[in-house]
Amino acid sequence: ERVQKAKTELLPEHHTHDMAQLFKAMGDPTRLKILHALETGEMCVCDLAAFLKISESAVSHQLRVLRQLHLVANRRDGPILYYRLDDHHVGRILDLALTHVKE
């Protein structure tokens, strides 16, 4: 009976895959630091690099991964791209994870 119930509530394969990719992206300490920094508001690559004390190239690489997974979005102001969390769900996920690890 439990197996039947579990089968009816099984996540679709594409949801399982997308969730695994989300957790994989958030499993990297540098990407988590970037997401945490962006909780305070928009930042450009140079600001994030200075904040994290890593190269702009390394920040850009991580932002590309986060953007592909719709965790961050950007806007252009002249030659500068500013990054922000893509939506309020990302901040909620981060807050929930932090609450969990603090317990």
N, C-alpha and C. Protein backbone atom coordinates (compact mmCIF):
# COMPACT_ATOMS: atom_id res chain seq x y z
N GLU A 1 0.83 -1.20 0.00
CA GLU A 1 0.00 0.00 0.00
C GLU A 1 0.88 1.27 0.00
N ARG A 2 1.95 1.27 0.81
CA ARG A 2 2.84 2.44 0.85
C ARG A 2 3.55 2.64 -0.48
N VAL A 3 3.92 1.52 -1.12
CA VAL A 3 4.60 1.62 -2.40
C VAL A 3 3.66 2.21 -3.45
N GLN A 4 2.42 1.77 -3.45
CA GLN A 4 1.44 2.31 -4.39
C GLN A 4 1.26 3.81 -4.17
N LYS A 5 1.15 4.22 -2.93
CA LYS A 5 0.99 5.64 -2.62
C LYS A 5 2.21 6.42 -3.09
N ALA A 6 3.39 5.90 -2.84
CA ALA A 6 4.62 6.57 -3.26
C ALA A 6 4.67 6.68 -4.78
N LYS A 7 4.23 5.65 -5.49
CA LYS A 7 4.24 5.68 -6.95
C LYS A 7 3.32 6.77 -7.49
N THR A 8 2.18 6.96 -6.85
CA THR A 8 1.24 7.97 -7.33
C THR A 8 1.74 9.39 -7.04
N GLU A 9 2.63 9.52 -6.06
CA GLU A 9 3.14 10.83 -5.69
C GLU A 9 4.58 11.06 -6.19
N LEU A 10 5.05 10.19 -7.08
CA LEU A 10 6.39 10.29 -7.61
C LEU A 10 6.55 11.58 -8.43
N LEU A 11 7.66 12.26 -8.20
CA LEU A 11 7.94 13.47 -8.97
C LEU A 11 8.21 13.12 -10.42
N PRO A 12 7.76 13.97 -11.34
CA PRO A 12 8.13 13.74 -12.75
C PRO A 12 9.65 13.82 -12.90
N GLU A 13 10.17 13.07 -13.83
CA GLU A 13 11.63 12.98 -14.02
C GLU A 13 12.26 14.34 -14.26
N HIS A 14 11.62 15.19 -15.05
CA HIS A 14 12.21 16.50 -15.33
C HIS A 14 12.27 17.38 -14.08
N HIS A 15 11.31 17.24 -13.18
CA HIS A 15 11.37 17.99 -11.92
C HIS A 15 12.50 17.48 -11.04
N THR A 16 12.66 16.17 -10.99
CA THR A 16 13.75 15.58 -10.21
C THR A 16 15.10 16.07 -10.74
N HIS A 17 15.25 16.07 -12.04
CA HIS A 17 16.50 16.52 -12.67
C HIS A 17 16.76 18.00 -12.36
N ASP A 18 15.74 18.83 -12.54
CA ASP A 18 15.90 20.27 -12.30
C ASP A 18 16.22 20.57 -10.84
N MET A 19 15.61 19.85 -9.93
CA MET A 19 15.89 20.04 -8.50
C MET A 19 17.32 19.62 -8.18
N ALA A 20 17.77 18.52 -8.77
CA ALA A 20 19.14 18.06 -8.54
C ALA A 20 20.14 19.10 -9.05
N GLN A 21 19.85 19.72 -10.19
CA GLN A 21 20.72 20.76 -10.72
C GLN A 21 20.74 21.98 -9.80
N LEU A 22 19.59 22.33 -9.24
CA LEU A 22 19.51 23.44 -8.30
C LEU A 22 20.38 23.17 -7.07
N PHE A 23 20.24 21.99 -6.50
CA PHE A 23 21.03 21.65 -5.31
C PHE A 23 22.51 21.53 -5.64
N LYS A 24 22.83 21.06 -6.83
CA LYS A 24 24.22 20.97 -7.25
C LYS A 24 24.82 22.38 -7.34
N ALA A 25 24.09 23.30 -7.92
CA ALA A 25 24.57 24.68 -8.04
C ALA A 25 24.77 25.31 -6.67
N MET A 26 23.85 25.05 -5.78
CA MET A 26 23.94 25.63 -4.44
C MET A 26 24.92 24.86 -3.56
N GLY A 27 25.44 23.75 -4.06
CA GLY A 27 26.41 22.97 -3.31
C GLY A 27 27.83 23.50 -3.42
N ASP A 28 28.02 24.52 -4.22
CA ASP A 28 29.35 25.11 -4.38
C ASP A 28 29.49 26.33 -3.46
N PRO A 29 30.50 26.36 -2.59
CA PRO A 29 30.64 27.47 -1.64
C PRO A 29 30.75 28.85 -2.30
N THR A 30 31.44 28.95 -3.42
CA THR A 30 31.57 30.26 -4.09
C THR A 30 30.22 30.73 -4.60
N ARG A 31 29.46 29.83 -5.20
CA ARG A 31 28.14 30.22 -5.70
C ARG A 31 27.22 30.59 -4.55
N LEU A 32 27.31 29.88 -3.43
CA LEU A 32 26.49 30.25 -2.27
C LEU A 32 26.86 31.64 -1.76
N LYS A 33 28.14 31.96 -1.74
CA LYS A 33 28.57 33.28 -1.31
C LYS A 33 28.05 34.37 -2.25
N ILE A 34 28.07 34.09 -3.53
CA ILE A 34 27.54 35.05 -4.50
C ILE A 34 26.05 35.26 -4.26
N LEU A 35 25.30 34.18 -4.11
CA LEU A 35 23.87 34.30 -3.87
C LEU A 35 23.59 35.06 -2.58
N HIS A 36 24.36 34.76 -1.55
CA HIS A 36 24.19 35.47 -0.28
C HIS A 36 24.47 36.96 -0.44
N ALA A 37 25.53 37.30 -1.16
CA ALA A 37 25.86 38.71 -1.39
C ALA A 37 24.73 39.41 -2.15
N LEU A 38 24.13 38.71 -3.11
CA LEU A 38 23.08 39.32 -3.92
C LEU A 38 21.76 39.45 -3.17
N GLU A 39 21.65 38.81 -2.01
CA GLU A 39 20.44 39.01 -1.19
C GLU A 39 20.33 40.46 -0.73
N THR A 40 21.47 41.15 -0.65
CA THR A 40 21.45 42.55 -0.20
C THR A 40 21.11 43.51 -1.32
N GLY A 41 21.15 43.04 -2.57
CA GLY A 41 20.82 43.89 -3.71
C GLY A 41 21.74 43.63 -4.88
N GLU A 42 21.55 44.40 -5.92
CA GLU A 42 22.34 44.24 -7.14
C GLU A 42 23.82 44.52 -6.92
N MET A 43 24.62 43.77 -7.65
CA MET A 43 26.06 43.99 -7.64
C MET A 43 26.61 43.67 -9.03
N CYS A 44 27.68 44.36 -9.40
CA CYS A 44 28.35 44.05 -10.66
C CYS A 44 29.45 43.02 -10.38
N VAL A 45 30.02 42.49 -11.43
CA VAL A 45 31.07 41.47 -11.31
C VAL A 45 32.24 42.00 -10.49
N CYS A 46 32.64 43.25 -10.75
CA CYS A 46 33.81 43.79 -10.03
C CYS A 46 33.53 43.92 -8.54
N ASP A 47 32.28 44.29 -8.17
CA ASP A 47 31.92 44.36 -6.75
C ASP A 47 31.95 42.98 -6.10
N LEU A 48 31.40 42.00 -6.79
CA LEU A 48 31.39 40.63 -6.26
C LEU A 48 32.80 40.09 -6.12
N ALA A 49 33.65 40.37 -7.11
CA ALA A 49 35.04 39.90 -7.05
C ALA A 49 35.76 40.51 -5.87
N ALA A 50 35.57 41.80 -5.63
CA ALA A 50 36.21 42.46 -4.49
C ALA A 50 35.67 41.91 -3.17
N PHE A 51 34.36 41.69 -3.11
CA PHE A 51 33.73 41.17 -1.90
C PHE A 51 34.24 39.77 -1.57
N LEU A 52 34.36 38.92 -2.60
CA LEU A 52 34.75 37.52 -2.40
C LEU A 52 36.26 37.31 -2.44
N LYS A 53 36.99 38.34 -2.87
CA LYS A 53 38.45 38.26 -2.99
C LYS A 53 38.87 37.16 -3.97
N ILE A 54 38.17 37.13 -5.12
CA ILE A 54 38.52 36.22 -6.21
C ILE A 54 38.51 37.03 -7.50
N SER A 55 38.99 36.43 -8.57
CA SER A 55 39.09 37.15 -9.85
C SER A 55 37.71 37.40 -10.45
N GLU A 56 37.64 38.44 -11.27
CA GLU A 56 36.40 38.74 -11.98
C GLU A 56 36.04 37.59 -12.91
N SER A 57 37.05 36.97 -13.50
CA SER A 57 36.82 35.83 -14.38
C SER A 57 36.14 34.68 -13.63
N ALA A 58 36.60 34.41 -12.43
CA ALA A 58 36.01 33.33 -11.62
C ALA A 58 34.56 33.68 -11.26
N VAL A 59 34.31 34.93 -10.92
CA VAL A 59 32.95 35.37 -10.59
C VAL A 59 32.05 35.22 -11.82
N SER A 60 32.53 35.67 -12.97
CA SER A 60 31.75 35.59 -14.21
C SER A 60 31.38 34.15 -14.54
N HIS A 61 32.33 33.25 -14.35
CA HIS A 61 32.06 31.83 -14.61
C HIS A 61 30.93 31.33 -13.71
N GLN A 62 31.00 31.64 -12.43
CA GLN A 62 29.97 31.18 -11.49
C GLN A 62 28.62 31.84 -11.78
N LEU A 63 28.63 33.11 -12.16
CA LEU A 63 27.39 33.80 -12.49
C LEU A 63 26.73 33.18 -13.72
N ARG A 64 27.53 32.73 -14.66
CA ARG A 64 26.98 32.07 -15.86
C ARG A 64 26.20 30.83 -15.45
N VAL A 65 26.77 30.03 -14.55
CA VAL A 65 26.09 28.82 -14.07
C VAL A 65 24.79 29.21 -13.37
N LEU A 66 24.86 30.19 -12.49
CA LEU A 66 23.67 30.61 -11.74
C LEU A 66 22.60 31.19 -12.65
N ARG A 67 23.01 31.91 -13.68
CA ARG A 67 22.06 32.50 -14.62
C ARG A 67 21.37 31.40 -15.44
N GLN A 68 22.11 30.39 -15.86
CA GLN A 68 21.53 29.30 -16.64
C GLN A 68 20.46 28.55 -15.85
N LEU A 69 20.61 28.52 -14.55
CA LEU A 69 19.65 27.83 -13.69
C LEU A 69 18.56 28.77 -13.16
N HIS A 70 18.54 29.99 -13.66
CA HIS A 70 17.54 31.00 -13.27
C HIS A 70 17.59 31.34 -11.79
N LEU A 71 18.79 31.31 -11.23
CA LEU A 71 18.97 31.72 -9.84
C LEU A 71 19.35 33.19 -9.75
N VAL A 72 19.99 33.71 -10.78
CA VAL A 72 20.30 35.14 -10.86
C VAL A 72 19.85 35.67 -12.22
N ALA A 73 19.60 36.96 -12.25
CA ALA A 73 19.27 37.66 -13.49
C ALA A 73 20.18 38.88 -13.56
N ASN A 74 20.25 39.47 -14.74
CA ASN A 74 21.09 40.65 -14.86
C ASN A 74 20.38 41.75 -15.64
N ARG A 75 20.95 42.95 -15.53
CA ARG A 75 20.50 44.07 -16.35
C ARG A 75 21.74 44.86 -16.72
N ARG A 76 21.68 45.47 -17.87
CA ARG A 76 22.82 46.24 -18.37
C ARG A 76 22.57 47.72 -18.11
N ASP A 77 23.60 48.38 -17.61
CA ASP A 77 23.60 49.83 -17.46
C ASP A 77 24.86 50.33 -18.14
N GLY A 78 24.74 50.69 -19.41
CA GLY A 78 25.93 51.03 -20.20
C GLY A 78 26.77 49.78 -20.40
N PRO A 79 28.05 49.87 -20.09
CA PRO A 79 28.91 48.70 -20.30
C PRO A 79 28.89 47.71 -19.12
N ILE A 80 28.19 48.05 -18.07
CA ILE A 80 28.23 47.24 -16.84
C ILE A 80 26.97 46.39 -16.69
N LEU A 81 27.18 45.10 -16.36
CA LEU A 81 26.06 44.21 -16.04
C LEU A 81 25.91 44.16 -14.53
N TYR A 82 24.69 44.35 -14.06
CA TYR A 82 24.38 44.23 -12.64
C TYR A 82 23.56 42.97 -12.43
N TYR A 83 23.93 42.21 -11.41
CA TYR A 83 23.28 40.93 -11.12
C TYR A 83 22.44 41.04 -9.86
N ARG A 84 21.37 40.27 -9.84
CA ARG A 84 20.46 40.21 -8.69
C ARG A 84 19.90 38.79 -8.61
N LEU A 85 19.30 38.45 -7.49
CA LEU A 85 18.60 37.17 -7.40
C LEU A 85 17.45 37.20 -8.39
N ASP A 86 17.20 36.10 -9.04
CA ASP A 86 16.19 36.05 -10.09
C ASP A 86 14.78 36.31 -9.57
N ASP A 87 14.45 35.76 -8.41
CA ASP A 87 13.15 36.03 -7.82
C ASP A 87 13.20 35.76 -6.31
N HIS A 88 12.09 36.02 -5.64
CA HIS A 88 12.06 35.90 -4.18
C HIS A 88 12.24 34.46 -3.70
N HIS A 89 11.97 33.49 -4.56
CA HIS A 89 12.13 32.09 -4.15
C HIS A 89 13.58 31.76 -3.82
N VAL A 90 14.51 32.34 -4.55
CA VAL A 90 15.93 32.06 -4.31
C VAL A 90 16.33 32.49 -2.90
N GLY A 91 15.92 33.68 -2.52
CA GLY A 91 16.19 34.16 -1.17
C GLY A 91 15.54 33.30 -0.11
N ARG A 92 14.34 32.83 -0.39
CA ARG A 92 13.64 31.97 0.58
C ARG A 92 14.36 30.64 0.75
N ILE A 93 14.87 30.08 -0.36
CA ILE A 93 15.63 28.83 -0.28
C ILE A 93 16.88 29.02 0.56
N LEU A 94 17.59 30.13 0.32
CA LEU A 94 18.80 30.42 1.09
C LEU A 94 18.48 30.60 2.57
N ASP A 95 17.44 31.34 2.88
CA ASP A 95 17.06 31.57 4.27
C ASP A 95 16.67 30.27 4.97
N LEU A 96 15.92 29.43 4.28
CA LEU A 96 15.50 28.15 4.85
C LEU A 96 16.70 27.25 5.10
N ALA A 97 17.64 27.22 4.15
CA ALA A 97 18.84 26.39 4.32
C ALA A 97 19.66 26.89 5.51
N LEU A 98 19.80 28.20 5.65
CA LEU A 98 20.56 28.74 6.77
C LEU A 98 19.89 28.43 8.10
N THR A 99 18.59 28.57 8.14
CA THR A 99 17.85 28.21 9.36
C THR A 99 18.07 26.75 9.71
N HIS A 100 18.05 25.89 8.72
CA HIS A 100 18.24 24.45 8.94
C HIS A 100 19.63 24.16 9.50
N VAL A 101 20.67 24.74 8.92
CA VAL A 101 22.02 24.42 9.38
C VAL A 101 22.34 25.04 10.74
N LYS A 102 21.62 26.07 11.13
CA LYS A 102 21.83 26.69 12.43
C LYS A 102 21.20 25.89 13.57
N GLU A 103 20.26 25.00 13.24
CA GLU A 103 19.58 24.21 14.29
C GLU A 103 20.47 23.11 14.81
